[in-house]
Amino acid sequence: GAMGLLDEPGLDRLLDAVRVAAHPDARGKGVLVVLNQQIHAARDVAKAHTSAVDAFVSACGPLGFVQDDYVRFARAPRAAWVIGPMPTAWPVVEIVASYAQPGRVAVDALVRAGVAGLVVAAAGNGSVHEVLAEALADAAAAGVAVVRSSRTGAGHVAIPPQLSPADGAFVSATDLNP
C-alpha cells in the first residue's frame, strides 16, 4: 500500500509503492507498506490518528525510504513468527473488549456460535476485568483459543510464567494490537 501527503498526486504515491515492490532488496522482507516515502513492515504499522496525514505509525520505525527512483533499505524487519504452513481455511476469530464492568454475554454467544478463537482488546498490560476473565476461562475450557492483547498502542503484553489461564494468563499477543 502507499499513502502520502494530500498535495502529492496519488499516482506518485502508488509509483513509490511499485518501486519498492519491484526493488531487489525488497525480496524476503514480507509485506511492506509505503507511507510518506518511508518503507515499513506491515506487521508493525497501525493507525494512530483518525484523520491526520501521518495517521499511521510503525512501532519499530521505518525499514528504509523511497525518493523518486531511489529506494534504500536501512534495516531488515523483525523476524515473523512462523508456526508452520499457511492454512487453506482460516478459523473464525473474534475480538472482544475488556472495560469497566463488562458482562459475559458476548463471550458466551460467540462460543455458542462456534468461534475458534477470541482476541481480547484489554487495557494496559492486557488487564482483563474479572467477569470477562471468568467467561474467557470458560471459553478456553471449551476449546476456544484466547489471546490477550493491549489497546494502549505501545509496549507488549507479558505473562509471568507462574500464571495459568485460570488466572487470566491466556496467550499473549506480545506487541500486536487487537
N, C-alpha and C. Protein backbone atom coordinates (compact mmCIF):
# COMPACT_ATOMS: atom_id res chain seq x y z
N GLY A 1 0.83 -1.18 0.00
CA GLY A 1 0.00 0.00 0.00
C GLY A 1 0.87 1.23 0.00
N ALA A 2 0.28 2.37 -0.31
CA ALA A 2 1.02 3.62 -0.32
C ALA A 2 0.14 4.74 0.17
N MET A 3 0.71 5.61 1.00
CA MET A 3 -0.01 6.77 1.48
C MET A 3 0.99 7.91 1.57
N GLY A 4 0.56 9.10 1.25
CA GLY A 4 1.47 10.23 1.31
C GLY A 4 0.73 11.50 1.61
N LEU A 5 1.38 12.63 1.39
CA LEU A 5 0.78 13.93 1.66
C LEU A 5 -0.38 14.19 0.71
N LEU A 6 -1.37 14.94 1.19
CA LEU A 6 -2.57 15.19 0.39
C LEU A 6 -2.28 15.99 -0.87
N ASP A 7 -1.24 16.82 -0.87
CA ASP A 7 -0.96 17.62 -2.06
C ASP A 7 -0.12 16.88 -3.10
N GLU A 8 0.30 15.67 -2.78
CA GLU A 8 1.03 14.86 -3.76
C GLU A 8 0.02 14.16 -4.66
N PRO A 9 0.32 14.06 -5.93
CA PRO A 9 -0.56 13.29 -6.79
C PRO A 9 -0.59 11.83 -6.34
N GLY A 10 -1.77 11.24 -6.34
CA GLY A 10 -1.94 9.85 -5.90
C GLY A 10 -1.09 8.87 -6.68
N LEU A 11 -0.86 9.13 -7.96
CA LEU A 11 -0.05 8.21 -8.76
C LEU A 11 1.39 8.19 -8.29
N ASP A 12 1.90 9.31 -7.76
CA ASP A 12 3.27 9.33 -7.24
C ASP A 12 3.39 8.40 -6.04
N ARG A 13 2.37 8.40 -5.17
CA ARG A 13 2.39 7.52 -4.00
C ARG A 13 2.32 6.06 -4.44
N LEU A 14 1.47 5.79 -5.42
CA LEU A 14 1.36 4.43 -5.95
C LEU A 14 2.67 4.02 -6.61
N LEU A 15 3.29 4.93 -7.35
CA LEU A 15 4.56 4.64 -8.01
C LEU A 15 5.65 4.33 -6.97
N ASP A 16 5.65 5.05 -5.85
CA ASP A 16 6.61 4.75 -4.78
C ASP A 16 6.44 3.31 -4.30
N ALA A 17 5.20 2.89 -4.09
CA ALA A 17 4.93 1.52 -3.63
C ALA A 17 5.38 0.50 -4.66
N VAL A 18 5.14 0.78 -5.94
CA VAL A 18 5.55 -0.13 -7.01
C VAL A 18 7.07 -0.20 -7.09
N ARG A 19 7.72 0.94 -6.95
CA ARG A 19 9.19 0.96 -6.97
C ARG A 19 9.77 0.09 -5.85
N VAL A 20 9.17 0.20 -4.67
CA VAL A 20 9.64 -0.61 -3.54
C VAL A 20 9.37 -2.09 -3.81
N ALA A 21 8.18 -2.42 -4.26
CA ALA A 21 7.82 -3.82 -4.52
C ALA A 21 8.73 -4.44 -5.58
N ALA A 22 9.15 -3.65 -6.55
CA ALA A 22 9.97 -4.17 -7.64
C ALA A 22 11.46 -4.18 -7.31
N HIS A 23 11.83 -3.53 -6.23
CA HIS A 23 13.25 -3.42 -5.90
C HIS A 23 13.79 -4.76 -5.41
N PRO A 24 14.96 -5.18 -5.87
CA PRO A 24 15.51 -6.48 -5.46
C PRO A 24 15.74 -6.59 -3.95
N ASP A 25 16.03 -5.47 -3.27
CA ASP A 25 16.25 -5.53 -1.82
C ASP A 25 14.96 -5.75 -1.03
N ALA A 26 13.80 -5.64 -1.69
CA ALA A 26 12.52 -5.88 -1.00
C ALA A 26 12.22 -7.37 -0.87
N ARG A 27 12.91 -8.19 -1.65
CA ARG A 27 12.66 -9.65 -1.61
C ARG A 27 12.96 -10.21 -0.22
N GLY A 28 12.07 -11.05 0.23
CA GLY A 28 12.27 -11.73 1.50
C GLY A 28 11.96 -10.89 2.72
N LYS A 29 11.46 -9.67 2.55
CA LYS A 29 11.16 -8.80 3.68
C LYS A 29 9.69 -8.85 4.09
N GLY A 30 8.90 -9.71 3.48
CA GLY A 30 7.49 -9.82 3.85
C GLY A 30 6.66 -8.71 3.24
N VAL A 31 5.47 -8.51 3.80
CA VAL A 31 4.56 -7.48 3.31
C VAL A 31 5.07 -6.13 3.78
N LEU A 32 5.17 -5.20 2.82
CA LEU A 32 5.69 -3.86 3.11
C LEU A 32 4.62 -2.82 2.84
N VAL A 33 4.74 -1.68 3.53
CA VAL A 33 3.82 -0.56 3.35
C VAL A 33 4.67 0.68 3.13
N VAL A 34 4.28 1.52 2.15
CA VAL A 34 4.98 2.76 1.89
C VAL A 34 4.09 3.90 2.37
N LEU A 35 4.60 4.67 3.33
CA LEU A 35 3.88 5.80 3.92
C LEU A 35 4.79 7.02 3.92
N ASN A 36 4.38 8.09 3.26
CA ASN A 36 5.16 9.33 3.27
C ASN A 36 6.62 9.10 2.89
N GLN A 37 6.84 8.32 1.86
CA GLN A 37 8.16 7.98 1.33
C GLN A 37 8.98 7.12 2.28
N GLN A 38 8.37 6.55 3.28
CA GLN A 38 9.05 5.63 4.19
C GLN A 38 8.54 4.22 3.94
N ILE A 39 9.43 3.25 4.09
CA ILE A 39 9.09 1.84 3.91
C ILE A 39 8.97 1.21 5.30
N HIS A 40 7.84 0.56 5.53
CA HIS A 40 7.57 -0.07 6.83
C HIS A 40 7.20 -1.54 6.65
N ALA A 41 7.47 -2.34 7.66
CA ALA A 41 6.96 -3.71 7.70
C ALA A 41 5.49 -3.62 8.08
N ALA A 42 4.63 -4.25 7.29
CA ALA A 42 3.18 -4.17 7.52
C ALA A 42 2.81 -4.64 8.93
N ARG A 43 3.52 -5.61 9.44
CA ARG A 43 3.22 -6.14 10.78
C ARG A 43 3.32 -5.06 11.84
N ASP A 44 4.16 -4.06 11.63
CA ASP A 44 4.42 -3.04 12.64
C ASP A 44 3.56 -1.79 12.49
N VAL A 45 2.76 -1.69 11.44
CA VAL A 45 2.03 -0.46 11.15
C VAL A 45 0.63 -0.50 11.78
N ALA A 46 0.26 0.60 12.41
CA ALA A 46 -1.08 0.74 12.98
C ALA A 46 -1.55 2.17 12.78
N LYS A 47 -2.85 2.35 12.66
CA LYS A 47 -3.41 3.69 12.54
C LYS A 47 -3.50 4.28 13.94
N ALA A 48 -2.90 5.46 14.13
CA ALA A 48 -2.83 6.07 15.44
C ALA A 48 -3.59 7.38 15.53
N HIS A 49 -4.16 7.85 14.44
CA HIS A 49 -4.92 9.10 14.45
C HIS A 49 -6.08 8.95 13.48
N THR A 50 -7.20 9.55 13.82
CA THR A 50 -8.39 9.38 12.98
C THR A 50 -8.29 10.05 11.62
N SER A 51 -7.58 11.18 11.51
CA SER A 51 -7.61 11.90 10.25
C SER A 51 -6.32 12.59 9.84
N ALA A 52 -5.28 12.53 10.63
CA ALA A 52 -4.03 13.21 10.30
C ALA A 52 -3.38 12.61 9.06
N VAL A 53 -2.62 13.42 8.35
CA VAL A 53 -1.91 12.93 7.16
C VAL A 53 -0.93 11.84 7.55
N ASP A 54 -0.29 12.00 8.70
CA ASP A 54 0.63 10.97 9.19
C ASP A 54 -0.07 10.09 10.23
N ALA A 55 -1.26 9.61 9.87
CA ALA A 55 -2.11 8.86 10.79
C ALA A 55 -1.57 7.49 11.14
N PHE A 56 -0.68 6.96 10.34
CA PHE A 56 -0.15 5.62 10.58
C PHE A 56 1.23 5.72 11.22
N VAL A 57 1.48 4.84 12.18
CA VAL A 57 2.78 4.81 12.85
C VAL A 57 3.30 3.38 12.81
N SER A 58 4.60 3.28 12.96
CA SER A 58 5.25 1.98 12.99
C SER A 58 5.99 1.87 14.30
N ALA A 59 5.66 0.86 15.07
CA ALA A 59 6.26 0.68 16.40
C ALA A 59 7.77 0.60 16.34
N CYS A 60 8.31 0.06 15.29
CA CYS A 60 9.76 -0.14 15.18
C CYS A 60 10.42 0.86 14.24
N GLY A 61 9.66 1.77 13.68
CA GLY A 61 10.22 2.74 12.76
C GLY A 61 10.35 2.18 11.36
N PRO A 62 10.72 3.03 10.41
CA PRO A 62 10.81 2.60 9.02
C PRO A 62 11.99 1.65 8.77
N LEU A 63 11.81 0.83 7.75
CA LEU A 63 12.88 -0.06 7.29
C LEU A 63 13.81 0.68 6.33
N GLY A 64 13.27 1.70 5.69
CA GLY A 64 14.03 2.46 4.71
C GLY A 64 13.17 3.55 4.12
N PHE A 65 13.57 4.04 2.96
CA PHE A 65 12.79 5.10 2.32
C PHE A 65 12.88 5.00 0.80
N VAL A 66 11.96 5.71 0.16
CA VAL A 66 11.94 5.80 -1.30
C VAL A 66 11.78 7.27 -1.66
N GLN A 67 12.60 7.71 -2.59
CA GLN A 67 12.50 9.09 -3.08
C GLN A 67 12.79 9.05 -4.57
N ASP A 68 11.78 9.37 -5.35
CA ASP A 68 11.86 9.27 -6.80
C ASP A 68 12.30 7.85 -7.18
N ASP A 69 13.42 7.70 -7.89
CA ASP A 69 13.87 6.37 -8.30
C ASP A 69 14.75 5.69 -7.26
N TYR A 70 15.03 6.36 -6.17
CA TYR A 70 15.97 5.85 -5.18
C TYR A 70 15.22 5.12 -4.06
N VAL A 71 15.53 3.83 -3.89
CA VAL A 71 14.97 3.01 -2.83
C VAL A 71 16.13 2.53 -1.97
N ARG A 72 16.03 2.76 -0.65
CA ARG A 72 17.10 2.32 0.23
C ARG A 72 16.50 1.67 1.47
N PHE A 73 16.98 0.48 1.77
CA PHE A 73 16.61 -0.22 3.00
C PHE A 73 17.75 -0.02 3.99
N ALA A 74 17.43 0.48 5.18
CA ALA A 74 18.44 0.69 6.22
C ALA A 74 18.54 -0.50 7.15
N ARG A 75 17.46 -1.28 7.24
CA ARG A 75 17.47 -2.44 8.13
C ARG A 75 16.44 -3.46 7.66
N ALA A 76 16.54 -4.65 8.20
CA ALA A 76 15.59 -5.71 7.89
C ALA A 76 14.45 -5.67 8.90
N PRO A 77 13.28 -6.19 8.53
CA PRO A 77 12.18 -6.26 9.50
C PRO A 77 12.49 -7.28 10.59
N ARG A 78 11.77 -7.15 11.70
CA ARG A 78 11.89 -8.16 12.75
C ARG A 78 11.43 -9.49 12.19
N ALA A 79 11.99 -10.55 12.69
CA ALA A 79 11.60 -11.88 12.24
C ALA A 79 10.14 -12.15 12.63
N ALA A 80 9.37 -12.65 11.70
CA ALA A 80 7.98 -13.01 11.97
C ALA A 80 7.93 -14.40 12.59
N TRP A 81 6.93 -14.60 13.41
CA TRP A 81 6.73 -15.93 13.98
C TRP A 81 6.08 -16.80 12.93
N VAL A 82 6.71 -17.89 12.59
CA VAL A 82 6.14 -18.83 11.63
C VAL A 82 5.83 -20.12 12.38
N ILE A 83 4.57 -20.51 12.33
CA ILE A 83 4.13 -21.67 13.12
C ILE A 83 3.82 -22.85 12.20
N GLY A 84 4.31 -22.86 11.03
CA GLY A 84 4.05 -23.96 10.11
C GLY A 84 3.45 -23.45 8.82
N PRO A 85 2.96 -24.38 8.00
CA PRO A 85 2.41 -23.97 6.71
C PRO A 85 1.13 -23.15 6.88
N MET A 86 0.87 -22.27 5.93
CA MET A 86 -0.33 -21.44 5.97
C MET A 86 -1.56 -22.32 5.74
N PRO A 87 -2.60 -22.12 6.55
CA PRO A 87 -3.81 -22.93 6.37
C PRO A 87 -4.55 -22.53 5.09
N THR A 88 -5.31 -23.46 4.54
CA THR A 88 -6.12 -23.15 3.37
C THR A 88 -7.45 -22.52 3.78
N ALA A 89 -7.90 -22.80 4.99
CA ALA A 89 -9.11 -22.18 5.52
C ALA A 89 -8.79 -21.65 6.91
N TRP A 90 -9.13 -20.40 7.15
CA TRP A 90 -8.83 -19.79 8.43
C TRP A 90 -9.97 -20.01 9.41
N PRO A 91 -9.66 -20.22 10.69
CA PRO A 91 -10.71 -20.37 11.69
C PRO A 91 -11.38 -19.03 11.98
N VAL A 92 -12.58 -19.08 12.54
CA VAL A 92 -13.30 -17.86 12.90
C VAL A 92 -12.75 -17.37 14.24
N VAL A 93 -12.26 -16.13 14.23
CA VAL A 93 -11.72 -15.50 15.43
C VAL A 93 -12.39 -14.13 15.56
N GLU A 94 -12.83 -13.80 16.76
CA GLU A 94 -13.48 -12.52 17.01
C GLU A 94 -12.71 -11.74 18.06
N ILE A 95 -12.96 -10.44 18.12
CA ILE A 95 -12.33 -9.57 19.11
C ILE A 95 -13.39 -9.16 20.13
N VAL A 96 -13.04 -9.25 21.42
CA VAL A 96 -13.90 -8.77 22.49
C VAL A 96 -13.13 -7.74 23.30
N ALA A 97 -13.84 -6.77 23.86
CA ALA A 97 -13.19 -5.71 24.62
C ALA A 97 -13.36 -5.92 26.12
N SER A 98 -12.30 -5.61 26.86
CA SER A 98 -12.38 -5.58 28.31
C SER A 98 -12.49 -4.13 28.73
N TYR A 99 -13.44 -3.84 29.58
CA TYR A 99 -13.69 -2.47 30.03
C TYR A 99 -14.31 -2.55 31.42
N ALA A 100 -14.63 -1.42 32.00
CA ALA A 100 -15.20 -1.40 33.35
C ALA A 100 -16.57 -2.08 33.34
N GLN A 101 -16.75 -3.06 34.17
CA GLN A 101 -17.99 -3.78 34.37
C GLN A 101 -18.58 -4.43 33.11
N PRO A 102 -17.78 -5.24 32.40
CA PRO A 102 -18.35 -5.94 31.24
C PRO A 102 -19.20 -7.12 31.69
N GLY A 103 -20.07 -7.55 30.82
CA GLY A 103 -20.80 -8.78 31.06
C GLY A 103 -20.11 -9.91 30.33
N ARG A 104 -20.70 -11.08 30.40
CA ARG A 104 -20.13 -12.23 29.70
C ARG A 104 -20.99 -12.66 28.52
N VAL A 105 -22.04 -11.91 28.24
CA VAL A 105 -22.99 -12.28 27.19
C VAL A 105 -22.30 -12.45 25.84
N ALA A 106 -21.46 -11.50 25.46
CA ALA A 106 -20.81 -11.56 24.14
C ALA A 106 -19.92 -12.79 24.02
N VAL A 107 -19.11 -13.05 25.05
CA VAL A 107 -18.21 -14.21 25.00
C VAL A 107 -19.02 -15.50 24.92
N ASP A 108 -20.04 -15.63 25.76
CA ASP A 108 -20.86 -16.84 25.75
C ASP A 108 -21.55 -17.05 24.39
N ALA A 109 -22.03 -15.96 23.80
CA ALA A 109 -22.69 -16.05 22.50
C ALA A 109 -21.71 -16.45 21.41
N LEU A 110 -20.51 -15.90 21.45
CA LEU A 110 -19.50 -16.24 20.45
C LEU A 110 -19.07 -17.70 20.57
N VAL A 111 -18.94 -18.19 21.79
CA VAL A 111 -18.58 -19.60 21.99
C VAL A 111 -19.69 -20.48 21.45
N ARG A 112 -20.95 -20.14 21.74
CA ARG A 112 -22.08 -20.93 21.21
C ARG A 112 -22.12 -20.90 19.68
N ALA A 113 -21.68 -19.78 19.11
CA ALA A 113 -21.67 -19.64 17.64
C ALA A 113 -20.54 -20.43 17.00
N GLY A 114 -19.61 -20.94 17.81
CA GLY A 114 -18.57 -21.81 17.27
C GLY A 114 -17.25 -21.14 16.92
N VAL A 115 -16.95 -19.99 17.52
CA VAL A 115 -15.66 -19.36 17.22
C VAL A 115 -14.53 -20.27 17.66
N ALA A 116 -13.43 -20.20 16.94
CA ALA A 116 -12.25 -20.99 17.29
C ALA A 116 -11.32 -20.19 18.19
N GLY A 117 -11.45 -18.87 18.15
CA GLY A 117 -10.56 -18.05 18.95
C GLY A 117 -11.16 -16.71 19.31
N LEU A 118 -10.67 -16.14 20.41
CA LEU A 118 -11.07 -14.81 20.86
C LEU A 118 -9.82 -14.01 21.16
N VAL A 119 -9.76 -12.80 20.64
CA VAL A 119 -8.69 -11.86 20.96
C VAL A 119 -9.30 -10.81 21.88
N VAL A 120 -8.68 -10.61 23.03
CA VAL A 120 -9.19 -9.65 24.00
C VAL A 120 -8.45 -8.33 23.83
N ALA A 121 -9.20 -7.28 23.51
CA ALA A 121 -8.65 -5.93 23.46
C ALA A 121 -8.69 -5.40 24.89
N ALA A 122 -7.59 -5.58 25.59
CA ALA A 122 -7.55 -5.29 27.02
C ALA A 122 -6.87 -3.96 27.30
N ALA A 123 -6.94 -3.56 28.55
CA ALA A 123 -6.30 -2.33 28.99
C ALA A 123 -4.87 -2.62 29.41
N GLY A 124 -4.05 -1.58 29.44
CA GLY A 124 -2.70 -1.68 29.98
C GLY A 124 -1.92 -2.88 29.49
N ASN A 125 -1.38 -3.65 30.42
CA ASN A 125 -0.58 -4.83 30.10
C ASN A 125 -1.48 -6.05 29.92
N GLY A 126 -2.59 -5.87 29.23
CA GLY A 126 -3.50 -6.98 28.99
C GLY A 126 -4.44 -7.25 30.15
N SER A 127 -4.69 -6.24 30.98
CA SER A 127 -5.57 -6.41 32.14
C SER A 127 -7.00 -6.69 31.68
N VAL A 128 -7.58 -7.76 32.23
CA VAL A 128 -8.93 -8.19 31.87
C VAL A 128 -9.80 -8.13 33.11
N HIS A 129 -10.99 -7.53 32.99
CA HIS A 129 -11.93 -7.45 34.10
C HIS A 129 -12.27 -8.85 34.57
N GLU A 130 -12.47 -9.03 35.88
CA GLU A 130 -12.67 -10.36 36.46
C GLU A 130 -13.89 -11.10 35.89
N VAL A 131 -14.97 -10.39 35.57
CA VAL A 131 -16.15 -11.05 34.99
C VAL A 131 -15.81 -11.58 33.60
N LEU A 132 -15.12 -10.77 32.82
CA LEU A 132 -14.71 -11.19 31.49
C LEU A 132 -13.68 -12.31 31.57
N ALA A 133 -12.76 -12.22 32.52
CA ALA A 133 -11.74 -13.27 32.69
C ALA A 133 -12.40 -14.62 32.97
N GLU A 134 -13.44 -14.61 33.78
CA GLU A 134 -14.16 -15.86 34.08
C GLU A 134 -14.81 -16.42 32.82
N ALA A 135 -15.44 -15.57 32.02
CA ALA A 135 -16.07 -16.02 30.77
C ALA A 135 -15.02 -16.55 29.80
N LEU A 136 -13.86 -15.89 29.75
CA LEU A 136 -12.79 -16.33 28.85
C LEU A 136 -12.19 -17.65 29.32
N ALA A 137 -12.07 -17.84 30.64
CA ALA A 137 -11.58 -19.11 31.17
C ALA A 137 -12.54 -20.24 30.80
N ASP A 138 -13.84 -19.98 30.86
CA ASP A 138 -14.84 -20.98 30.44
C ASP A 138 -14.71 -21.26 28.95
N ALA A 139 -14.48 -20.21 28.16
CA ALA A 139 -14.31 -20.38 26.71
C ALA A 139 -13.08 -21.24 26.43
N ALA A 140 -11.98 -20.96 27.13
CA ALA A 140 -10.75 -21.75 26.95
C ALA A 140 -10.99 -23.20 27.33
N ALA A 141 -11.75 -23.43 28.41
CA ALA A 141 -12.06 -24.80 28.83
C ALA A 141 -12.90 -25.52 27.79
N ALA A 142 -13.64 -24.75 26.98
CA ALA A 142 -14.46 -25.33 25.92
C ALA A 142 -13.67 -25.51 24.63
N GLY A 143 -12.36 -25.18 24.66
CA GLY A 143 -11.52 -25.40 23.49
C GLY A 143 -11.29 -24.17 22.63
N VAL A 144 -11.74 -23.01 23.06
CA VAL A 144 -11.55 -21.77 22.30
C VAL A 144 -10.19 -21.19 22.67
N ALA A 145 -9.38 -20.85 21.67
CA ALA A 145 -8.09 -20.20 21.91
C ALA A 145 -8.35 -18.75 22.33
N VAL A 146 -7.71 -18.32 23.39
CA VAL A 146 -7.89 -16.95 23.90
C VAL A 146 -6.53 -16.26 23.90
N VAL A 147 -6.49 -15.07 23.30
CA VAL A 147 -5.26 -14.28 23.21
C VAL A 147 -5.52 -12.91 23.81
N ARG A 148 -4.68 -12.51 24.76
CA ARG A 148 -4.78 -11.17 25.35
C ARG A 148 -3.90 -10.21 24.56
N SER A 149 -4.47 -9.06 24.24
CA SER A 149 -3.70 -8.00 23.59
C SER A 149 -3.99 -6.70 24.33
N SER A 150 -3.25 -5.66 24.00
CA SER A 150 -3.45 -4.37 24.64
C SER A 150 -3.88 -3.35 23.60
N ARG A 151 -4.83 -2.53 23.98
CA ARG A 151 -5.28 -1.46 23.08
C ARG A 151 -4.55 -0.15 23.36
N THR A 152 -3.46 -0.19 24.15
CA THR A 152 -2.76 1.03 24.53
C THR A 152 -1.95 1.63 23.38
N GLY A 153 -1.51 0.83 22.44
CA GLY A 153 -0.78 1.36 21.30
C GLY A 153 0.72 1.22 21.34
N ALA A 154 1.28 0.85 22.48
CA ALA A 154 2.72 0.65 22.56
C ALA A 154 3.02 -0.34 23.67
N GLY A 155 4.16 -0.96 23.59
CA GLY A 155 4.56 -1.95 24.59
C GLY A 155 4.09 -3.34 24.20
N HIS A 156 4.23 -4.27 25.13
CA HIS A 156 3.81 -5.65 24.85
C HIS A 156 3.10 -6.22 26.07
N VAL A 157 2.31 -7.24 25.83
CA VAL A 157 1.59 -7.92 26.90
C VAL A 157 2.45 -9.08 27.39
N ALA A 158 2.89 -8.98 28.63
CA ALA A 158 3.72 -10.02 29.22
C ALA A 158 2.87 -10.91 30.13
N ILE A 159 3.25 -12.16 30.24
CA ILE A 159 2.57 -13.08 31.14
C ILE A 159 3.64 -13.73 32.01
N PRO A 160 3.57 -13.51 33.33
CA PRO A 160 4.52 -14.21 34.19
C PRO A 160 4.33 -15.72 34.05
N PRO A 161 5.42 -16.49 33.96
CA PRO A 161 5.31 -17.92 33.70
C PRO A 161 4.56 -18.71 34.77
N GLN A 162 4.45 -18.17 35.99
CA GLN A 162 3.77 -18.93 37.04
C GLN A 162 2.25 -18.85 36.93
N LEU A 163 1.72 -17.98 36.09
CA LEU A 163 0.26 -17.86 35.98
C LEU A 163 -0.31 -18.89 35.01
N SER A 164 -1.59 -19.18 35.17
CA SER A 164 -2.28 -20.13 34.31
C SER A 164 -3.49 -19.43 33.69
N PRO A 165 -4.14 -20.05 32.68
CA PRO A 165 -5.35 -19.44 32.12
C PRO A 165 -6.43 -19.17 33.17
N ALA A 166 -6.49 -19.95 34.22
CA ALA A 166 -7.47 -19.70 35.28
C ALA A 166 -7.21 -18.36 35.95
N ASP A 167 -5.96 -17.88 35.90
CA ASP A 167 -5.62 -16.59 36.46
C ASP A 167 -5.77 -15.47 35.43
N GLY A 168 -6.28 -15.78 34.26
CA GLY A 168 -6.40 -14.78 33.21
C GLY A 168 -5.14 -14.65 32.38
N ALA A 169 -4.23 -15.62 32.49
CA ALA A 169 -2.95 -15.57 31.78
C ALA A 169 -3.04 -16.32 30.47
N PHE A 170 -3.88 -15.87 29.60
CA PHE A 170 -4.04 -16.50 28.30
C PHE A 170 -2.84 -16.17 27.42
N VAL A 171 -2.78 -16.75 26.26
CA VAL A 171 -1.69 -16.49 25.32
C VAL A 171 -1.55 -14.98 25.10
N SER A 172 -0.33 -14.51 25.03
CA SER A 172 -0.06 -13.09 24.84
C SER A 172 0.07 -12.77 23.35
N ALA A 173 -0.51 -11.65 22.94
CA ALA A 173 -0.34 -11.15 21.58
C ALA A 173 0.98 -10.40 21.45
N THR A 174 1.79 -10.41 22.48
CA THR A 174 3.05 -9.68 22.58
C THR A 174 2.81 -8.22 22.20
N ASP A 175 3.40 -7.73 21.11
CA ASP A 175 3.27 -6.33 20.75
C ASP A 175 2.28 -6.08 19.61
N LEU A 176 1.49 -7.09 19.24
CA LEU A 176 0.48 -6.90 18.19
C LEU A 176 -0.78 -6.32 18.79
N ASN A 177 -1.34 -5.31 18.15
CA ASN A 177 -2.60 -4.74 18.65
C ASN A 177 -3.76 -5.66 18.29
N PRO A 178 -4.91 -5.47 18.92
CA PRO A 178 -6.03 -6.38 18.64
C PRO A 178 -6.40 -6.42 17.17
